[in-house]
C-alpha atoms as a PDB file:
ATOM      1  CA  MET A   1      61.789 -87.744-311.903  1.00  0.00           C
ATOM      2  CA  SER A   2      58.301 -89.154-310.849  1.00  0.00           C
ATOM      3  CA  GLU A   3      60.054 -89.378-306.907  1.00  0.00           C
ATOM      4  CA  GLU A   4      60.898 -85.526-306.933  1.00  0.00           C
ATOM      5  CA  THR A   5      57.640 -84.848-308.708  1.00  0.00           C
ATOM      6  CA  ALA A   6      55.743 -86.772-305.703  1.00  0.00           C
ATOM      7  CA  GLY A   7      58.323 -84.880-303.084  1.00  0.00           C
ATOM      8  CA  GLY A   8      57.701 -81.799-304.264  1.00  0.00           C
ATOM      9  CA  PHE A   9      53.512 -82.692-304.215  1.00  0.00           C
ATOM     10  CA  ASP A  10      53.968 -84.040-300.425  1.00  0.00           C
ATOM     11  CA  GLU A  11      55.935 -80.930-299.453  1.00  0.00           C
ATOM     12  CA  LYS A  12      53.345 -78.291-300.984  1.00  0.00           C
ATOM     13  CA  ASN A  13      50.385 -80.119-299.587  1.00  0.00           C
ATOM     14  CA  GLU A  14      51.510 -80.523-295.838  1.00  0.00           C
ATOM     15  CA  PRO A  15      51.748 -76.840-295.016  1.00  0.00           C
ATOM     16  CA  ALA A  16      47.878 -76.436-296.482  1.00  0.00           C
ATOM     17  CA  ASP A  17      46.784 -78.902-294.295  1.00  0.00           C
ATOM     18  CA  VAL A  18      48.045 -77.403-291.208  1.00  0.00           C
ATOM     19  CA  SER A  19      46.758 -74.119-291.959  1.00  0.00           C
ATOM     20  CA  ASP A  20      43.591 -75.297-292.850  1.00  0.00           C
ATOM     21  CA  GLY A  21      43.173 -76.884-289.346  1.00  0.00           C
ATOM     22  CA  ALA A  22      44.258 -74.064-287.469  1.00  0.00           C
ATOM     23  CA  ALA A  23      42.159 -71.397-288.828  1.00  0.00           C
ATOM     24  CA  PRO A  24      38.494 -72.302-287.910  1.00  0.00           C
ATOM     25  CA  ASP A  25      39.539 -73.252-284.250  1.00  0.00           C
ATOM     26  CA  ALA A  26      40.999 -69.670-284.229  1.00  0.00           C
ATOM     27  CA  ALA A  27      37.755 -67.942-285.603  1.00  0.00           C
ATOM     28  CA  GLU A  28      35.482 -70.304-283.043  1.00  0.00           C
ATOM     29  CA  GLU A  29      37.990 -68.874-280.187  1.00  0.00           C
ATOM     30  CA  ASP A  30      36.872 -65.432-281.230  1.00  0.00           C
ATOM     31  CA  ARG A  31      33.404 -65.940-281.645  1.00  0.00           C
ATOM     32  CA  SER A  32      33.097 -67.248-278.262  1.00  0.00           C
ATOM     33  CA  GLU A  33      35.133 -64.054-276.527  1.00  0.00           C
ATOM     34  CA  GLN A  34      33.126 -61.644-278.901  1.00  0.00           C
ATOM     35  CA  GLU A  35      29.776 -63.371-277.229  1.00  0.00           C
ATOM     36  CA  ARG A  36      31.036 -63.586-273.717  1.00  0.00           C
ATOM     37  CA  SER A  37      32.018 -59.986-273.811  1.00  0.00           C
ATOM     38  CA  ALA A  38      28.466 -59.089-275.505  1.00  0.00           C
ATOM     39  CA  PRO A  39      26.780 -56.499-273.344  1.00  0.00           C
ATOM     40  CA  GLY A  40      23.356 -57.860-274.748  1.00  0.00           C
ATOM     41  CA  GLY A  41      23.803 -61.235-272.467  1.00  0.00           C
ATOM     42  CA  ASP A  42      21.576 -60.090-269.536  1.00  0.00           C
ATOM     43  CA  ALA A  43      19.139 -58.888-270.997  1.00  0.00           C
ATOM     44  CA  GLN A  44      18.511 -61.765-273.117  1.00  0.00           C
ATOM     45  CA  GLN A  45      18.854 -63.928-269.769  1.00  0.00           C
ATOM     46  CA  ALA A  46      16.314 -61.687-268.074  1.00  0.00           C
ATOM     47  CA  GLY A  47      14.202 -62.161-271.467  1.00  0.00           C
ATOM     48  CA  LEU A  48      14.292 -65.657-271.206  1.00  0.00           C
ATOM     49  CA  THR A  49      13.328 -65.545-267.518  1.00  0.00           C
ATOM     50  CA  ALA A  50      10.146 -63.412-268.316  1.00  0.00           C
ATOM     51  CA  GLU A  51       9.304 -65.808-271.147  1.00  0.00           C
ATOM     52  CA  LEU A  52       8.973 -69.147-268.277  1.00  0.00           C
ATOM     53  CA  ASP A  53       7.574 -67.110-266.052  1.00  0.00           C
ATOM     54  CA  GLN A  54       4.747 -66.418-268.987  1.00  0.00           C
ATOM     55  CA  VAL A  55       4.751 -69.993-269.640  1.00  0.00           C
ATOM     56  CA  ARG A  56       3.989 -71.115-266.312  1.00  0.00           C
ATOM     57  CA  THR A  57       1.336 -68.847-265.402  1.00  0.00           C
ATOM     58  CA  ALA A  58      -0.361 -69.879-269.012  1.00  0.00           C
ATOM     59  CA  LEU A  59       0.264 -73.649-267.432  1.00  0.00           C
ATOM     60  CA  GLY A  60      -1.452 -73.125-264.251  1.00  0.00           C
ATOM     61  CA  GLU A  61      -4.661 -71.489-265.862  1.00  0.00           C
ATOM     62  CA  ARG A  62      -4.732 -74.511-268.383  1.00  0.00           C
ATOM     63  CA  THR A  63      -4.649 -76.480-265.079  1.00  0.00           C
ATOM     64  CA  ALA A  64      -7.117 -74.894-263.155  1.00  0.00           C
ATOM     65  CA  ASP A  65      -9.486 -74.455-266.314  1.00  0.00           C
ATOM     66  CA  LEU A  66      -9.097 -78.513-266.371  1.00  0.00           C
ATOM     67  CA  GLN A  67      -9.821 -79.145-262.842  1.00  0.00           C
ATOM     68  CA  ARG A  68     -13.081 -76.757-263.217  1.00  0.00           C
ATOM     69  CA  LEU A  69     -14.057 -79.053-266.056  1.00  0.00           C
ATOM     70  CA  GLN A  70     -13.546 -82.037-265.079  1.00  0.00           C
ATOM     71  CA  ALA A  71     -15.533 -81.280-261.485  1.00  0.00           C
ATOM     72  CA  GLU A  72     -18.531 -79.719-264.018  1.00  0.00           C
ATOM     73  CA  TYR A  73     -18.363 -83.117-265.801  1.00  0.00           C
ATOM     74  CA  GLN A  74     -18.546 -85.580-262.527  1.00  0.00           C
ATOM     75  CA  ASN A  75     -21.575 -83.257-261.186  1.00  0.00           C
ATOM     76  CA  TYR A  76     -22.885 -83.678-265.154  1.00  0.00           C
ATOM     77  CA  ARG A  77     -22.398 -87.301-264.360  1.00  0.00           C
ATOM     78  CA  ARG A  78     -24.434 -87.429-260.984  1.00  0.00           C
ATOM     79  CA  ARG A  79     -27.294 -85.912-262.345  1.00  0.00           C
ATOM     80  CA  VAL A  80     -27.706 -87.560-265.438  1.00  0.00           C
ATOM     81  CA  GLU A  81     -27.075 -90.977-263.049  1.00  0.00           C
ATOM     82  CA  ARG A  82     -30.116 -89.317-260.347  1.00  0.00           C
ATOM     83  CA  ASP A  83     -32.145 -88.658-263.289  1.00  0.00           C
ATOM     84  CA  ARG A  84     -31.878 -92.153-264.699  1.00  0.00           C
ATOM     85  CA  VAL A  85     -32.920 -93.983-261.628  1.00  0.00           C
ATOM     86  CA  ALA A  86     -36.323 -91.459-260.848  1.00  0.00           C
ATOM     87  CA  VAL A  87     -37.341 -92.137-264.761  1.00  0.00           C
ATOM     88  CA  LYS A  88     -36.713 -96.038-264.088  1.00  0.00           C
ATOM     89  CA  GLU A  89     -38.518 -95.697-260.692  1.00  0.00           C
ATOM     90  CA  LEU A  90     -41.364 -93.815-262.661  1.00  0.00           C
ATOM     91  CA  ALA A  91     -41.939 -96.262-265.041  1.00  0.00           C
ATOM     92  CA  VAL A  92     -41.841 -99.210-262.699  1.00  0.00           C
ATOM     93  CA  ALA A  93     -44.175 -97.490-260.469  1.00  0.00           C
ATOM     94  CA  ASN A  94     -46.548 -96.773-263.451  1.00  0.00           C
ATOM     95  CA  LEU A  95     -46.889-100.136-264.451  1.00  0.00           C
ATOM     96  CA  LEU A  96     -47.409-101.655-260.741  1.00  0.00           C
ATOM     97  CA  SER A  97     -49.808 -98.700-260.450  1.00  0.00           C
ATOM     98  CA  GLU A  98     -52.181-100.925-263.196  1.00  0.00           C
ATOM     99  CA  VAL A  99     -51.628-104.265-261.946  1.00  0.00           C
ATOM    100  CA  LEU A 100     -53.145-102.798-258.562  1.00  0.00           C
ATOM    101  CA  PRO A 101     -56.865-103.637-259.942  1.00  0.00           C
ATOM    102  CA  VAL A 102     -56.138-107.042-260.450  1.00  0.00           C
ATOM    103  CA  LEU A 103     -54.530-107.619-256.940  1.00  0.00           C
ATOM    104  CA  ASP A 104     -57.300-105.957-255.174  1.00  0.00           C
ATOM    105  CA  ASP A 105     -59.600-108.727-257.241  1.00  0.00           C
ATOM    106  CA  ILE A 106     -57.379-111.398-255.568  1.00  0.00           C
ATOM    107  CA  GLY A 107     -57.534-110.174-252.468  1.00  0.00           C
ATOM    108  CA  ARG A 108     -61.332-110.302-252.693  1.00  0.00           C
ATOM    109  CA  ALA A 109     -61.104-113.787-253.779  1.00  0.00           C
ATOM    110  CA  ARG A 110     -58.701-114.958-251.017  1.00  0.00           C
ATOM    111  CA  GLU A 111     -61.168-113.260-248.642  1.00  0.00           C
ATOM    112  CA  HIS A 112     -63.913-115.168-249.740  1.00  0.00           C
ATOM    113  CA  GLU A 113     -62.291-118.405-249.970  1.00  0.00           C
ATOM    114  CA  GLU A 114     -62.655-118.641-254.101  1.00  0.00           C
ATOM    115  CA  LEU A 115     -59.072-119.120-254.738  1.00  0.00           C
ATOM    116  CA  THR A 116     -58.048-122.451-256.090  1.00  0.00           C
ATOM    117  CA  GLY A 117     -56.870-124.284-258.633  1.00  0.00           C
ATOM    118  CA  GLY A 118     -55.166-122.485-261.562  1.00  0.00           C
ATOM    119  CA  PHE A 119     -56.212-119.301-260.607  1.00  0.00           C
ATOM    120  CA  LYS A 120     -54.500-119.548-257.311  1.00  0.00           C
ATOM    121  CA  SER A 121     -51.030-120.439-258.656  1.00  0.00           C
ATOM    122  CA  VAL A 122     -51.658-117.566-260.988  1.00  0.00           C
ATOM    123  CA  ALA A 123     -52.740-115.236-258.265  1.00  0.00           C
ATOM    124  CA  ASP A 124     -49.079-116.655-256.376  1.00  0.00           C
ATOM    125  CA  SER A 125     -46.780-115.676-258.897  1.00  0.00           C
ATOM    126  CA  LEU A 126     -48.345-112.431-259.872  1.00  0.00           C
ATOM    127  CA  GLU A 127     -48.165-111.360-256.021  1.00  0.00           C
ATOM    128  CA  SER A 128     -44.387-112.805-256.005  1.00  0.00           C
ATOM    129  CA  ILE A 129     -43.166-110.877-259.056  1.00  0.00           C
ATOM    130  CA  THR A 130     -44.514-107.644-257.971  1.00  0.00           C
ATOM    131  CA  ALA A 131     -42.959-108.019-254.704  1.00  0.00           C
ATOM    132  CA  LYS A 132     -39.966-108.510-256.688  1.00  0.00           C
ATOM    133  CA  MET A 133     -40.245-105.828-258.336  1.00  0.00           C
ATOM    134  CA  GLY A 134     -40.319-103.879-254.806  1.00  0.00           C
ATOM    135  CA  LEU A 135     -44.114-103.826-254.393  1.00  0.00           C
ATOM    136  CA  GLU A 136     -45.265-103.294-250.854  1.00  0.00           C
ATOM    137  CA  GLN A 137     -48.697-103.582-249.095  1.00  0.00           C
ATOM    138  CA  PHE A 138     -49.565-101.611-246.287  1.00  0.00           C
ATOM    139  CA  GLY A 139     -52.240-100.750-243.871  1.00  0.00           C
ATOM    140  CA  GLU A 140     -53.393-102.464-240.682  1.00  0.00           C
ATOM    141  CA  GLU A 141     -56.407-102.226-238.246  1.00  0.00           C
ATOM    142  CA  GLY A 142     -55.811-100.656-235.358  1.00  0.00           C
ATOM    143  CA  GLU A 143     -52.963 -98.156-236.744  1.00  0.00           C
ATOM    144  CA  PRO A 144     -52.846 -94.464-236.057  1.00  0.00           C
ATOM    145  CA  PHE A 145     -54.426 -92.351-238.854  1.00  0.00           C
ATOM    146  CA  ASP A 146     -52.000 -90.908-240.854  1.00  0.00           C
ATOM    147  CA  PRO A 147     -53.645 -88.442-243.741  1.00  0.00           C
ATOM    148  CA  THR A 148     -50.030 -88.894-245.727  1.00  0.00           C
ATOM    149  CA  ILE A 149     -50.725 -92.757-246.403  1.00  0.00           C
ATOM    150  CA  HIS A 150     -54.482 -93.309-245.373  1.00  0.00           C
ATOM    151  CA  GLU A 151     -57.211 -92.292-247.088  1.00  0.00           C
ATOM    152  CA  ALA A 152     -60.746 -91.964-245.040  1.00  0.00           C
ATOM    153  CA  LEU A 153     -63.615 -93.306-246.612  1.00  0.00           C
ATOM    154  CA  MET A 154     -65.620 -93.479-243.292  1.00  0.00           C
ATOM    155  CA  HIS A 155     -65.573 -92.174-240.159  1.00  0.00           C
ATOM    156  CA  SER A 156     -67.187 -92.615-236.526  1.00  0.00           C
ATOM    157  CA  TYR A 157     -66.987 -92.487-232.894  1.00  0.00           C
ATOM    158  CA  ALA A 158     -65.598 -94.791-230.407  1.00  0.00           C
ATOM    159  CA  PRO A 159     -65.459 -94.959-226.691  1.00  0.00           C
ATOM    160  CA  ASP A 160     -62.135 -97.515-226.373  1.00  0.00           C
ATOM    161  CA  VAL A 161     -60.027 -95.128-228.741  1.00  0.00           C
ATOM    162  CA  THR A 162     -58.086 -92.349-227.628  1.00  0.00           C
ATOM    163  CA  GLU A 163     -56.848 -91.135-230.925  1.00  0.00           C
ATOM    164  CA  THR A 164     -58.008 -91.086-234.415  1.00  0.00           C
ATOM    165  CA  THR A 165     -57.906 -94.497-235.266  1.00  0.00           C
ATOM    166  CA  CYS A 166     -58.054 -96.973-238.666  1.00  0.00           C
ATOM    167  CA  VAL A 167     -60.746 -99.194-237.680  1.00  0.00           C
ATOM    168  CA  ALA A 168     -61.273-101.063-241.139  1.00  0.00           C
ATOM    169  CA  ILE A 169     -59.218-101.477-244.089  1.00  0.00           C
ATOM    170  CA  LEU A 170     -61.316-101.188-246.943  1.00  0.00           C
ATOM    171  CA  GLN A 171     -58.543-101.340-249.451  1.00  0.00           C
ATOM    172  CA  PRO A 172     -55.120-101.875-248.945  1.00  0.00           C
ATOM    173  CA  GLY A 173     -52.208 -99.347-249.684  1.00  0.00           C
ATOM    174  CA  TYR A 174     -49.241-100.117-251.716  1.00  0.00           C
ATOM    175  CA  ARG A 175     -45.745 -98.485-251.923  1.00  0.00           C
ATOM    176  CA  PHE A 176     -42.891 -98.690-253.944  1.00  0.00           C
ATOM    177  CA  GLY A 177     -39.554 -97.656-252.065  1.00  0.00           C
ATOM    178  CA  GLU A 178     -40.459 -94.393-250.737  1.00  0.00           C
ATOM    179  CA  ARG A 179     -43.120 -93.355-253.100  1.00  0.00           C
ATOM    180  CA  THR A 180     -46.775 -94.055-252.311  1.00  0.00           C
ATOM    181  CA  ILE A 181     -48.396 -95.568-255.146  1.00  0.00           C
ATOM    182  CA  ARG A 182     -52.156 -95.675-253.767  1.00  0.00           C
ATOM    183  CA  PRO A 183     -52.955 -94.783-249.900  1.00  0.00           C
ATOM    184  CA  ALA A 184     -54.966 -97.222-247.737  1.00  0.00           C
ATOM    185  CA  ARG A 185     -58.512 -96.598-247.610  1.00  0.00           C
ATOM    186  CA  VAL A 186     -60.082 -96.657-244.261  1.00  0.00           C
ATOM    187  CA  ALA A 187     -62.499 -96.154-242.138  1.00  0.00           C
ATOM    188  CA  VAL A 188     -61.667 -93.978-239.052  1.00  0.00           C
ATOM    189  CA  ALA A 189     -63.227 -93.816-235.866  1.00  0.00           C
ATOM    190  CA  GLU A 190     -62.387 -90.883-233.077  1.00  0.00           C
ATOM    191  CA  PRO A 191     -62.694 -90.540-229.227  1.00  0.00           C
ATOM    192  CA  GLN A 192     -66.340 -89.301-228.207  1.00  0.00           C
ATOM    193  CA  PRO A 193     -66.545 -85.816-227.788  1.00  0.00           C
ATOM    194  CA  GLY A 194     -66.220 -84.960-224.494  1.00  0.00           C
ATOM    195  CA  ALA A 195     -65.170 -88.688-223.085  1.00  0.00           C
ATOM    196  CA  ALA A 196     -62.356 -86.934-221.488  1.00  0.00           C
ATOM    197  CA  PRO A 197     -64.224 -84.758-219.245  1.00  0.00           C
ATOM    198  CA  ALA A 198     -66.635 -87.029-218.659  1.00  0.00           C
ATOM    199  CA  SER A 199     -63.806 -89.397-217.185  1.00  0.00           C
ATOM    200  CA  GLY A 200     -62.571 -86.793-214.940  1.00  0.00           C
ATOM    201  CA  LYS A 201     -65.866 -86.454-213.370  1.00  0.00           C
ATOM    202  CA  GLU A 202     -66.399 -89.862-212.974  1.00  0.00           C
ATOM    203  CA  GLN A 203     -62.853 -90.111-211.364  1.00  0.00           C
ATOM    204  CA  ALA A 204     -63.718 -87.462-208.848  1.00  0.00           C
ATOM    205  CA  ALA A 205     -67.200 -88.742-208.286  1.00  0.00           C
ATOM    206  CA  SER A 206     -65.426 -91.883-207.677  1.00  0.00           C
ATOM    207  CA  GLY A 207     -62.571 -90.623-205.518  1.00  0.00           C
ATOM    208  CA  SER A 208     -65.399 -88.579-202.957  1.00  0.00           C
ATOM    209  CA  ALA A 209     -67.521 -91.865-202.420  1.00  0.00           C
ATOM    210  CA  PRO A 210     -65.058 -93.702-200.401  1.00  0.00           C
ATOM    211  CA  ALA A 211     -64.796 -90.927-198.536  1.00  0.00           C
ATOM    212  CA  GLU A 212     -68.695 -90.634-197.786  1.00  0.00           C
ATOM    213  CA  GLU A 213     -68.435 -93.955-196.638  1.00  0.00           C
ATOM    214  CA  GLU A 214     -65.827 -93.588-194.468  1.00  0.00           C
ATOM    215  CA  LYS A 215     -67.370 -90.661-192.600  1.00  0.00           C
ATOM    216  CA  ALA A 216     -70.608 -92.874-192.010  1.00  0.00           C
ATOM    217  CA  ALA A 217     -68.794 -95.686-190.986  1.00  0.00           C
ATOM    218  CA  ALA A 218     -67.085 -93.456-188.258  1.00  0.00           C
ATOM    219  CA  ALA A 219     -70.277 -91.755-187.306  1.00  0.00           C
ATOM    220  CA  ASP A 220     -71.951 -95.417-186.801  1.00  0.00           C
ATOM    221  CA  GLU A 221     -69.000 -96.235-184.438  1.00  0.00           C
ATOM    222  CA  GLU A 222     -69.499 -93.272-182.526  1.00  0.00           C
ATOM    223  CA  ASN A 223     -73.033 -94.041-181.915  1.00  0.00           C
ATOM    224  CA  GLY A 224     -72.710 -97.738-180.757  1.00  0.00           C
ATOM    225  CA  GLY A 225     -72.897 -99.099-184.128  1.00  0.00           C
ATOM    226  CA  PRO A 226     -75.086 -99.588-187.038  1.00  0.00           C
ATOM    227  CA  ASP A 227     -79.003 -99.617-185.972  1.00  0.00           C
ATOM    228  CA  LYS A 228     -80.566-103.057-185.880  1.00  0.00           C
ATOM    229  CA  GLY A 229     -83.870-103.364-186.653  1.00  0.00           C
END
C-alpha cells in the first residue's frame, strides 16, 4: 500500500515539475519579442545619445573651469612669492640702513689709523656680516658722475677733465642687490667753460707758427742765408 501511494505521488508530481519549468521560458521569449518589435526602441536610443552628448559637453566645461582655476592659482602663488621676496628685501635693506652710520665711523677710524685691538676685530666682524647679507659699497675717485647713484656736495672746475667727474668721495655709497640704500656723496669737477674752443684756437695758432717759420727760412735761402752781424 505504501508503494502504490508513493508511486502515485511521483506520477502526480512529475507533470507539475515539467510544466513549472517550461512556463517561464515561454514568457521570457514573448517579452523579448515584444521589446524587439516595440516601435519606441529608436526613440530611446536617440534619447540616450542626446544625454551622452550633454554629459560630454558638461564634462568639457568642467575641465575648462578646472584648467582656468589652476592657472589662476599658479599666478596667485607667483604673486605671493614675489611679494614675499620684496618684503624680505625691504626688511633687510631697512636693517642695513641703520648700520651705515656705524660703518662710516669704522671707515673714519681706519683712515686715521685708530682701528686697532678689539675694536678692529669687532669692526671686521661687522663688515663681514653686512657683506654676507648683500651690502655692497661703491664710489671711487675718477669715475664719471651719475646722478642716480651719486650726490654732489661740492662743485668745481678742472682743466684736466673732459666730463663731470667725481674727484673726491666724501661719503661712500651702499647698495643692496639692485636697491641703492644710500648714494655716494662726492665732490665733482667739470671742464672749465670755454676750454674746448680755447684749445681749438691754440691748435690753430700752433699749426700756423711752423708755416711762418718755413716761409722765413725759404726767404733767407733765396737771399743767400741769414744776415750775419
